[in-house]
Amino acid sequence: MIIFKGEKLNSAWVPHDSDKDWNWTSNSKGWTCDNIGLEWLTRVFDPNTRDKANGKRRALIFDGHGSHVQPEVLRFCIDNNISILLMPPHSSHLCQPLDVGIFSPLKQYMSAELNKITRYGVSSIKKFEWAEAYRCARLQAMTVSNIKSAFRAAGLQPLNRRKVLVRMPDFNEADLEESSENTSNEEINNHTPAPTIEVHPFVAIPASPSQITPNRFHRASAALITNIEAGILDTPTRTVIPKLLTLAEYKSSELILANHQNHAKDAILARRMEHATGIRAVLKGQHVASTEEVYGQVKEAKDASRARQAKAAQKRTKKTSAGQMEITDMTEEV
């Protein structure tokens, strides 16, 4: 279940071709609440674990958030053979499998997916882009091996309390030594800058092509052309030619990379435009909607829009026919 920040859920936030069994919701804070917590329990956890449990009791690990221990949640769990395991306060980093072994790789994969957009200079991430990135990252992070490893590291399966107890930290304060070198304002003000020395254009070319400035490159190129035209091929001239060729290759690679980035950025913006031009449906009076329900709302909005357009076209046809009949009557009178 994805919780967006927004007063009402908008179908434009849901990516195209999303998984049918995902659920979507929103509220003003973008965080869980009593209603969303209960909806998640009944719409996500229960349907996805009931058949796997095959009639056996299920365990649900919770922290102490208020939405997890509300009476409706407790009643549903009692009625449906679900045991709630409440973690001690401030212990999720030790006891919760997601914190222990899933969230860290998930964040890494999420960063890699979002970097495919931000590295091209796109400053903000759209909600549907974030959801797509999360879907890709989730498939890579929440593997069977990672999940089993996380339950094992939390001491839950197999049950081993020492897995948690040995990780309890000892808070020993260490002495911290701070050292800093301060330069007085008087020393800075009395500092005399070194005299400027004129450097030959060939000598000013750095060894690394990334450190060259356009001004230095122009002066060195002009000096090289002058020497070639004068028939001067001394050691400095022969030495600078490979440097300038390397610089030309470097700048050519930069240009190719810039063109690639521009094309990728245009593709991202075009995809955003395509996603934004479709009919949107705002789900009113509904806390949670599955992907199929969102698509159903969009279809209803499309059908309603087409019906309005057809009705408007029919009215225009009637008005045009009435106008033609009026003109005919006037002609007959004349």
Protein backbone atom coordinates (compact mmCIF):
# COMPACT_ATOMS: atom_id res chain seq x y z
CA MET A 1 0.00 0.00 0.00
CA ILE A 2 1.40 3.36 -1.07
CA ILE A 3 0.43 6.44 0.98
CA PHE A 4 0.76 9.70 -0.95
CA LYS A 5 0.70 13.15 0.57
CA GLY A 6 -2.49 14.82 -0.64
CA GLU A 7 -6.03 15.54 0.44
CA LYS A 8 -7.61 13.27 -2.21
CA LEU A 9 -6.15 10.40 -4.18
CA ASN A 10 -5.54 11.30 -7.83
CA SER A 11 -5.29 8.65 -10.53
CA ALA A 12 -2.45 10.62 -12.15
CA TRP A 13 -0.22 9.55 -9.26
CA VAL A 14 -0.60 5.86 -10.15
CA PRO A 15 1.88 4.67 -12.81
CA HIS A 16 0.60 3.00 -15.95
CA ASP A 17 0.66 -0.82 -15.89
CA SER A 18 0.93 -0.92 -12.10
CA ASP A 19 0.58 -4.23 -10.26
CA LYS A 20 -3.10 -5.09 -9.90
CA ASP A 21 -2.81 -6.16 -6.26
CA TRP A 22 -1.26 -2.89 -5.06
CA ASN A 23 -3.34 -0.40 -3.08
CA TRP A 24 -3.13 3.38 -3.11
CA THR A 25 -4.22 6.01 -0.62
CA SER A 26 -3.40 9.52 0.56
CA ASN A 27 -3.85 11.96 3.39
CA SER A 28 -2.66 15.45 4.26
CA LYS A 29 0.47 14.20 6.04
CA GLY A 30 1.48 11.30 3.79
CA TRP A 31 1.68 9.02 6.83
CA THR A 32 -0.40 6.20 8.22
CA CYS A 33 -3.41 6.81 10.45
CA ASP A 34 -6.14 4.73 12.13
CA ASN A 35 -8.26 4.38 8.97
CA ILE A 36 -5.32 3.54 6.72
CA GLY A 37 -3.87 1.12 9.26
CA LEU A 38 -7.13 -0.82 9.43
CA GLU A 39 -7.51 -0.76 5.63
CA TRP A 40 -3.98 -2.13 5.23
CA LEU A 41 -4.71 -4.95 7.67
CA THR A 42 -7.95 -5.99 5.96
CA ARG A 43 -7.03 -5.32 2.32
CA VAL A 44 -3.31 -6.18 2.20
CA PHE A 45 -2.05 -8.31 5.08
CA ASP A 46 -5.03 -10.58 5.59
CA PRO A 47 -5.72 -11.53 1.91
CA ASN A 48 -2.02 -12.05 1.16
CA THR A 49 -1.30 -14.30 4.15
CA ARG A 50 -4.56 -16.20 4.76
CA ASP A 51 -4.04 -18.90 2.11
CA LYS A 52 -0.32 -19.24 2.88
CA ALA A 53 -1.10 -19.85 6.56
CA ASN A 54 -3.49 -22.66 5.56
CA GLY A 55 -5.58 -22.28 8.70
CA LYS A 56 -2.64 -21.86 11.06
CA ARG A 57 -2.18 -18.86 13.35
CA ARG A 58 -0.40 -15.89 11.78
CA ALA A 59 2.05 -13.54 13.52
CA LEU A 60 2.02 -9.81 12.80
CA ILE A 61 4.93 -7.72 14.11
CA PHE A 62 3.99 -4.17 15.13
CA ASP A 63 5.66 -1.22 16.77
CA GLY A 64 3.75 0.94 19.22
CA HIS A 65 2.14 3.34 16.70
CA GLY A 66 -1.42 4.19 17.73
CA SER A 67 -2.92 2.92 14.45
CA HIS A 68 -1.56 -0.57 15.25
CA VAL A 69 -3.28 -1.01 18.61
CA GLN A 70 -6.68 0.59 17.99
CA PRO A 71 -9.67 -1.52 19.07
CA GLU A 72 -10.81 -2.28 15.51
CA VAL A 73 -7.39 -3.74 14.66
CA LEU A 74 -7.27 -5.85 17.81
CA ARG A 75 -10.80 -7.16 17.22
CA PHE A 76 -10.03 -8.09 13.60
CA CYS A 77 -6.86 -9.94 14.63
CA ILE A 78 -8.68 -11.88 17.36
CA ASP A 79 -11.48 -12.87 14.98
CA ASN A 80 -9.08 -13.95 12.24
CA ASN A 81 -6.52 -15.97 14.19
CA ILE A 82 -3.76 -13.34 14.01
CA SER A 83 -1.29 -12.90 16.89
CA ILE A 84 0.13 -9.40 17.34
CA LEU A 85 3.75 -9.16 18.43
CA LEU A 86 4.46 -5.68 19.83
CA MET A 87 8.11 -4.64 19.91
CA PRO A 88 9.52 -2.77 22.91
CA PRO A 89 9.78 1.02 22.42
CA HIS A 90 12.76 2.27 20.38
CA SER A 91 13.81 -1.25 19.40
CA SER A 92 12.75 -1.51 15.75
CA HIS A 93 16.38 -1.20 14.57
CA LEU A 94 17.07 -4.43 16.47
CA CYS A 95 13.78 -6.35 16.35
CA GLN A 96 12.00 -5.42 13.14
CA PRO A 97 13.12 -7.50 10.11
CA LEU A 98 12.56 -4.61 7.70
CA ASP A 99 14.89 -2.33 9.66
CA VAL A 100 17.42 -5.10 10.24
CA GLY A 101 17.87 -6.40 6.71
CA ILE A 102 15.54 -4.87 4.11
CA PHE A 103 15.42 -1.09 4.33
CA SER A 104 19.15 -0.57 3.78
CA PRO A 105 19.34 -2.32 0.38
CA LEU A 106 15.93 -0.90 -0.51
CA LYS A 107 17.22 2.66 -0.02
CA GLN A 108 20.27 1.88 -2.14
CA TYR A 109 18.16 0.51 -4.99
CA MET A 110 15.74 3.45 -4.67
CA SER A 111 18.62 5.92 -4.92
CA ALA A 112 19.88 4.14 -8.04
CA GLU A 113 16.41 4.25 -9.65
CA LEU A 114 15.77 7.90 -8.80
CA ASN A 115 19.28 8.79 -9.98
CA LYS A 116 18.18 7.79 -13.48
CA ILE A 117 16.01 10.94 -13.40
CA THR A 118 17.90 13.40 -11.19
CA ARG A 119 21.27 12.94 -12.91
CA TYR A 120 19.86 14.62 -16.02
CA GLY A 121 19.15 17.86 -14.19
CA VAL A 122 15.47 17.20 -13.43
CA SER A 123 15.04 18.87 -10.07
CA SER A 124 11.84 17.28 -8.78
CA ILE A 125 10.37 13.78 -8.78
CA LYS A 126 6.72 13.26 -9.73
CA LYS A 127 4.60 10.96 -7.60
CA PHE A 128 4.12 8.39 -10.38
CA GLU A 129 7.90 8.40 -11.04
CA TRP A 130 8.59 7.73 -7.36
CA ALA A 131 6.07 4.87 -7.36
CA GLU A 132 7.70 3.31 -10.42
CA ALA A 133 11.15 3.63 -8.85
CA TYR A 134 9.88 1.99 -5.67
CA ARG A 135 8.36 -0.90 -7.63
CA CYS A 136 11.69 -1.61 -9.33
CA ALA A 137 13.69 -1.21 -6.11
CA ARG A 138 11.29 -3.42 -4.15
CA LEU A 139 11.76 -6.32 -6.55
CA GLN A 140 15.52 -6.14 -6.04
CA ALA A 141 15.54 -5.66 -2.26
CA MET A 142 12.66 -7.82 -1.03
CA THR A 143 13.92 -11.16 -2.22
CA VAL A 144 13.26 -14.46 -0.45
CA SER A 145 16.88 -14.73 0.70
CA ASN A 146 16.93 -11.15 2.05
CA ILE A 147 13.65 -11.63 3.91
CA LYS A 148 14.77 -14.90 5.51
CA SER A 149 18.09 -13.33 6.43
CA ALA A 150 16.31 -10.38 8.04
CA PHE A 151 14.04 -12.63 10.16
CA ARG A 152 17.09 -14.66 11.17
CA ALA A 153 19.10 -11.54 12.12
CA ALA A 154 16.19 -10.26 14.23
CA GLY A 155 16.15 -13.54 16.15
CA LEU A 156 12.61 -14.37 15.08
CA GLN A 157 13.04 -17.40 12.81
CA PRO A 158 14.62 -19.46 14.17
CA LEU A 159 13.91 -17.96 17.59
CA ASN A 160 17.15 -16.74 19.14
CA ARG A 161 17.07 -13.94 21.71
CA ARG A 162 20.86 -13.62 21.74
CA LYS A 163 20.72 -12.20 18.20
CA VAL A 164 19.24 -9.03 19.73
CA LEU A 165 20.80 -9.05 23.19
CA VAL A 166 24.39 -9.18 21.95
CA ARG A 167 23.77 -6.06 19.89
CA MET A 168 22.70 -3.91 22.82
CA PRO A 169 25.20 -1.04 22.88
CA ASP A 170 27.32 0.04 25.85
CA PHE A 171 27.31 3.78 26.18
CA ASN A 172 30.86 4.70 27.12
CA GLU A 173 31.75 8.34 26.61
CA ALA A 174 35.14 8.89 25.07
CA ASP A 175 37.21 11.99 25.49
CA LEU A 176 37.13 14.11 22.38
CA GLU A 177 40.05 16.29 21.51
CA GLU A 178 39.49 19.19 19.24
CA SER A 179 42.29 21.04 17.57
CA SER A 180 42.02 23.85 15.09
CA GLU A 181 44.42 26.23 13.47
CA ASN A 182 43.26 29.84 13.49
CA THR A 183 44.70 32.50 11.34
CA SER A 184 44.29 35.99 12.69
CA ASN A 185 42.73 38.71 10.56
CA GLU A 186 45.92 40.73 10.98
CA GLU A 187 48.00 37.98 9.33
CA ILE A 188 45.51 37.75 6.44
CA ASN A 189 45.44 41.51 5.92
CA ASN A 190 49.26 41.74 6.00
CA HIS A 191 49.67 38.95 3.45
CA THR A 192 51.28 40.22 0.28
CA PRO A 193 50.22 38.42 -2.90
CA ALA A 194 52.94 36.93 -5.04
CA PRO A 195 53.79 38.81 -8.22
CA THR A 196 52.14 37.58 -11.42
CA ILE A 197 54.52 35.82 -13.81
CA GLU A 198 53.72 35.60 -17.50
CA VAL A 199 53.59 31.93 -18.53
CA HIS A 200 54.00 30.67 -22.11
CA PRO A 201 50.70 29.33 -23.56
CA PHE A 202 52.21 25.87 -24.02
CA VAL A 203 53.40 25.68 -20.42
CA ALA A 204 49.95 26.77 -19.17
CA ILE A 205 48.32 23.63 -20.58
CA PRO A 206 47.70 21.28 -17.59
CA ALA A 207 48.32 17.56 -17.72
CA SER A 208 44.66 16.76 -17.05
CA PRO A 209 42.26 17.86 -19.82
CA SER A 210 39.48 18.46 -17.28
CA GLN A 211 41.49 21.34 -15.76
CA ILE A 212 41.92 23.35 -18.96
CA THR A 213 40.10 26.65 -19.30
CA PRO A 214 38.73 27.95 -22.63
CA ASN A 215 41.05 30.97 -22.47
CA ARG A 216 44.18 28.83 -22.05
CA PHE A 217 43.06 26.49 -24.80
CA HIS A 218 42.50 29.41 -27.21
CA ARG A 219 45.92 30.97 -26.47
CA ALA A 220 47.71 27.63 -26.88
CA SER A 221 45.91 26.88 -30.16
CA ALA A 222 46.76 30.31 -31.55
CA ALA A 223 50.42 29.88 -30.57
CA LEU A 224 50.53 26.42 -32.15
CA ILE A 225 49.07 27.68 -35.45
CA THR A 226 51.59 30.52 -35.46
CA ASN A 227 54.51 28.12 -34.95
CA ILE A 228 53.27 25.71 -37.64
CA GLU A 229 52.85 28.52 -40.17
CA ALA A 230 56.37 29.76 -39.33
CA GLY A 231 57.81 26.24 -39.66
CA ILE A 232 58.76 26.08 -35.99
CA LEU A 233 58.63 22.51 -34.62
CA ASP A 234 60.73 22.84 -31.50
CA THR A 235 60.36 20.65 -28.41
CA PRO A 236 57.60 22.74 -26.71
CA THR A 237 55.56 22.69 -29.94
CA ARG A 238 55.92 18.92 -30.42
CA THR A 239 55.06 18.38 -26.74
CA VAL A 240 51.87 20.45 -26.77
CA ILE A 241 50.36 18.79 -29.90
CA PRO A 242 49.42 15.49 -28.14
CA LYS A 243 48.02 17.48 -25.21
CA LEU A 244 45.74 19.49 -27.47
CA LEU A 245 44.63 16.33 -29.31
CA THR A 246 43.79 14.69 -25.98
CA LEU A 247 41.87 17.80 -24.99
CA ALA A 248 39.94 17.71 -28.28
CA GLU A 249 38.96 14.08 -27.65
CA TYR A 250 37.94 14.96 -24.10
CA LYS A 251 35.75 17.86 -25.25
CA SER A 252 34.23 15.67 -27.97
CA SER A 253 33.31 13.07 -25.33
CA GLU A 254 31.82 15.82 -23.19
CA LEU A 255 29.68 16.95 -26.12
CA ILE A 256 28.46 13.38 -26.80
CA LEU A 257 27.60 12.95 -23.12
CA ALA A 258 25.78 16.30 -23.04
CA ASN A 259 23.72 15.30 -26.10
CA HIS A 260 22.86 11.98 -24.45
CA GLN A 261 21.77 13.78 -21.28
CA ASN A 262 19.62 16.20 -23.28
CA HIS A 263 17.91 13.34 -25.14
CA ALA A 264 17.31 11.47 -21.86
CA LYS A 265 15.92 14.60 -20.22
CA ASP A 266 13.63 15.23 -23.19
CA ALA A 267 12.39 11.63 -22.91
CA ILE A 268 11.62 12.10 -19.20
CA LEU A 269 9.74 15.36 -19.83
CA ALA A 270 7.85 13.82 -22.78
CA ARG A 271 6.80 10.90 -20.59
CA ARG A 272 5.61 13.32 -17.94
CA MET A 273 3.60 15.20 -20.54
CA GLU A 274 2.06 11.96 -21.82
CA HIS A 275 1.18 10.91 -18.26
CA ALA A 276 -0.37 14.31 -17.51
CA THR A 277 -2.51 14.59 -20.65
CA GLY A 278 -4.73 11.61 -19.82
CA ILE A 279 -8.04 11.91 -18.02
CA ARG A 280 -7.59 12.13 -14.27
CA ALA A 281 -10.00 10.90 -11.67
CA VAL A 282 -10.03 12.21 -8.12
CA LEU A 283 -11.32 9.52 -5.79
CA LYS A 284 -13.69 11.26 -3.42
CA GLY A 285 -14.95 9.72 -0.20
CA GLN A 286 -12.58 6.78 -0.53
CA HIS A 287 -9.63 6.10 1.79
CA VAL A 288 -7.97 3.30 -0.17
CA ALA A 289 -8.26 2.07 -3.75
CA SER A 290 -6.64 -0.86 -5.50
CA THR A 291 -5.00 -0.42 -8.89
CA GLU A 292 -8.04 -1.98 -10.59
CA GLU A 293 -10.37 0.42 -8.76
CA VAL A 294 -8.24 3.39 -9.83
CA TYR A 295 -8.32 2.22 -13.45
CA GLY A 296 -12.08 1.70 -13.13
CA GLN A 297 -12.53 5.27 -11.94
CA VAL A 298 -10.48 6.54 -14.90
CA LYS A 299 -12.61 4.49 -17.31
CA GLU A 300 -15.80 5.90 -15.79
CA ALA A 301 -14.38 9.42 -16.14
CA LYS A 302 -13.52 8.76 -19.80
CA ASP A 303 -16.98 7.34 -20.50
CA ALA A 304 -18.65 10.32 -18.81
CA SER A 305 -16.49 12.74 -20.79
CA ARG A 306 -17.36 11.03 -24.09
CA ALA A 307 -21.06 11.05 -23.19
CA ARG A 308 -20.94 14.80 -22.51
CA GLN A 309 -19.14 15.40 -25.78
CA ALA A 310 -21.68 13.32 -27.71
CA LYS A 311 -24.57 15.16 -26.04
CA ALA A 312 -23.03 18.55 -26.85
CA ALA A 313 -22.51 17.50 -30.48
CA GLN A 314 -26.14 16.37 -30.70
CA LYS A 315 -27.32 19.74 -29.39
CA ARG A 316 -25.18 21.58 -31.95
CA THR A 317 -26.65 19.40 -34.73
CA LYS A 318 -30.21 20.22 -33.60
CA LYS A 319 -29.46 23.95 -33.49
CA THR A 320 -27.94 23.83 -36.98
CA SER A 321 -31.00 21.96 -38.35
CA ALA A 322 -33.38 24.46 -36.70
CA GLY A 323 -31.45 27.37 -38.20
CA GLN A 324 -31.63 25.89 -41.70
CA MET A 325 -35.38 25.36 -41.36
CA GLU A 326 -35.86 29.00 -40.30
CA ILE A 327 -33.90 30.23 -43.31
CA THR A 328 -36.04 28.04 -45.61
CA ASP A 329 -39.25 29.44 -44.16
CA MET A 330 -38.08 33.03 -44.64
CA THR A 331 -37.15 32.26 -48.25
CA GLU A 332 -40.59 30.88 -48.95
CA GLU A 333 -42.23 34.00 -47.50
CA VAL A 334 -40.13 36.28 -49.72
